[in-house]
Amino acid sequence: MPRRHPPREEPLETRRHVFTCPHCGERISAVLDLSAGYQRYIEDCEVCCNPIEITCQAEEGAIIAFQAGIP
C-alpha cells in the first residue's frame, strides 16, 4: 500500500521563515508569501508584542533577501 503524506500546512507559494526579533532577541517566525516578489510590512513580535518591519524579496519561489528591523 502506498504511503500517504500528511497535507502541507502552507500552500507552495508561502514559506515559514525563522528570524530573531530586533527588540527582545527571541527566535520567532513569519509566513512569507513568495508569490508577492517584494514585500514590506509591519508585524508584531509574538513574544514581546513590539512592531517589527519585515522586508522580503522573493524570486522563483526562493527568498533572496530578508530583513527584520525596528520601524
C-alpha atoms as a PDB file:
ATOM      1  CA  MET A   1       0.000   0.000   0.000  1.00  0.00           C
ATOM      2  CA  PRO A   2       1.452   3.432  -0.931  1.00  0.00           C
ATOM      3  CA  ARG A   3       2.473   5.648   1.926  1.00  0.00           C
ATOM      4  CA  ARG A   4       0.342   8.771   2.301  1.00  0.00           C
ATOM      5  CA  HIS A   5       1.923  12.058   3.241  1.00  0.00           C
ATOM      6  CA  PRO A   6       0.042  14.453   5.524  1.00  0.00           C
ATOM      7  CA  PRO A   7      -1.263  17.601   3.856  1.00  0.00           C
ATOM      8  CA  ARG A   8       1.094  20.584   3.842  1.00  0.00           C
ATOM      9  CA  GLU A   9       0.369  23.269   6.405  1.00  0.00           C
ATOM     10  CA  GLU A  10       1.018  26.060   3.910  1.00  0.00           C
ATOM     11  CA  PRO A  11       0.488  26.427   0.166  1.00  0.00           C
ATOM     12  CA  LEU A  12       3.573  26.125  -2.046  1.00  0.00           C
ATOM     13  CA  GLU A  13       3.644  29.910  -2.538  1.00  0.00           C
ATOM     14  CA  THR A  14       4.365  30.511   1.155  1.00  0.00           C
ATOM     15  CA  ARG A  15       7.250  29.635   3.418  1.00  0.00           C
ATOM     16  CA  ARG A  16       7.760  29.895   7.165  1.00  0.00           C
ATOM     17  CA  HIS A  17      10.927  31.888   7.891  1.00  0.00           C
ATOM     18  CA  VAL A  18      12.581  31.915  11.337  1.00  0.00           C
ATOM     19  CA  PHE A  19      14.410  35.060  12.461  1.00  0.00           C
ATOM     20  CA  THR A  20      15.458  36.953  15.606  1.00  0.00           C
ATOM     21  CA  CYS A  21      13.262  39.734  16.987  1.00  0.00           C
ATOM     22  CA  PRO A  22      15.244  43.001  16.923  1.00  0.00           C
ATOM     23  CA  HIS A  23      13.603  44.060  20.210  1.00  0.00           C
ATOM     24  CA  CYS A  24      13.775  41.042  22.544  1.00  0.00           C
ATOM     25  CA  GLY A  25      16.217  38.719  20.744  1.00  0.00           C
ATOM     26  CA  GLU A  26      13.838  35.736  20.723  1.00  0.00           C
ATOM     27  CA  ARG A  27      13.663  33.421  17.700  1.00  0.00           C
ATOM     28  CA  ILE A  28      10.259  33.836  16.029  1.00  0.00           C
ATOM     29  CA  SER A  29       8.777  33.003  12.644  1.00  0.00           C
ATOM     30  CA  ALA A  30       6.673  34.599   9.946  1.00  0.00           C
ATOM     31  CA  VAL A  31       4.885  33.058   6.982  1.00  0.00           C
ATOM     32  CA  LEU A  32       6.092  34.794   3.814  1.00  0.00           C
ATOM     33  CA  ASP A  33       4.159  34.940   0.544  1.00  0.00           C
ATOM     34  CA  LEU A  34       6.785  34.044  -2.059  1.00  0.00           C
ATOM     35  CA  SER A  35       4.462  34.862  -4.950  1.00  0.00           C
ATOM     36  CA  ALA A  36       4.444  38.568  -3.964  1.00  0.00           C
ATOM     37  CA  GLY A  37       8.013  39.251  -5.114  1.00  0.00           C
ATOM     38  CA  TYR A  38       8.927  42.262  -2.967  1.00  0.00           C
ATOM     39  CA  GLN A  39       7.023  42.914   0.234  1.00  0.00           C
ATOM     40  CA  ARG A  40       7.395  45.260   3.179  1.00  0.00           C
ATOM     41  CA  TYR A  41       5.052  45.274   6.170  1.00  0.00           C
ATOM     42  CA  ILE A  42       4.836  45.609   9.962  1.00  0.00           C
ATOM     43  CA  GLU A  43       4.176  42.566  12.146  1.00  0.00           C
ATOM     44  CA  ASP A  44       4.172  42.369  15.948  1.00  0.00           C
ATOM     45  CA  CYS A  45       6.610  40.037  17.708  1.00  0.00           C
ATOM     46  CA  GLU A  46       4.734  37.021  19.066  1.00  0.00           C
ATOM     47  CA  VAL A  47       6.860  37.161  22.253  1.00  0.00           C
ATOM     48  CA  CYS A  48       7.275  40.845  23.221  1.00  0.00           C
ATOM     49  CA  CYS A  49       4.479  42.347  21.033  1.00  0.00           C
ATOM     50  CA  ASN A  50       6.725  45.138  19.690  1.00  0.00           C
ATOM     51  CA  PRO A  51       6.410  46.044  15.988  1.00  0.00           C
ATOM     52  CA  ILE A  52       8.893  44.586  13.503  1.00  0.00           C
ATOM     53  CA  GLU A  53       9.343  45.888   9.964  1.00  0.00           C
ATOM     54  CA  ILE A  54       9.640  42.866   7.671  1.00  0.00           C
ATOM     55  CA  THR A  55      11.224  43.347   4.240  1.00  0.00           C
ATOM     56  CA  CYS A  56      11.433  40.345   1.913  1.00  0.00           C
ATOM     57  CA  GLN A  57      12.409  39.817  -1.724  1.00  0.00           C
ATOM     58  CA  ALA A  58      11.495  36.509  -3.383  1.00  0.00           C
ATOM     59  CA  GLU A  59      12.163  35.219  -6.891  1.00  0.00           C
ATOM     60  CA  GLU A  60      11.029  31.930  -8.419  1.00  0.00           C
ATOM     61  CA  GLY A  61       9.808  30.604  -5.080  1.00  0.00           C
ATOM     62  CA  ALA A  62      13.025  31.369  -3.187  1.00  0.00           C
ATOM     63  CA  ILE A  63      13.803  34.044  -0.596  1.00  0.00           C
ATOM     64  CA  ILE A  64      16.714  36.093  -1.918  1.00  0.00           C
ATOM     65  CA  ALA A  65      16.692  38.875   0.717  1.00  0.00           C
ATOM     66  CA  PHE A  66      15.124  39.168   4.167  1.00  0.00           C
ATOM     67  CA  GLN A  67      15.407  41.813   6.860  1.00  0.00           C
ATOM     68  CA  ALA A  68      13.610  42.251  10.179  1.00  0.00           C
ATOM     69  CA  GLY A  69      14.155  45.619  11.807  1.00  0.00           C
ATOM     70  CA  ILE A  70      12.714  48.257  14.099  1.00  0.00           C
ATOM     71  CA  PRO A  71      10.295  50.520  12.194  1.00  0.00           C
END
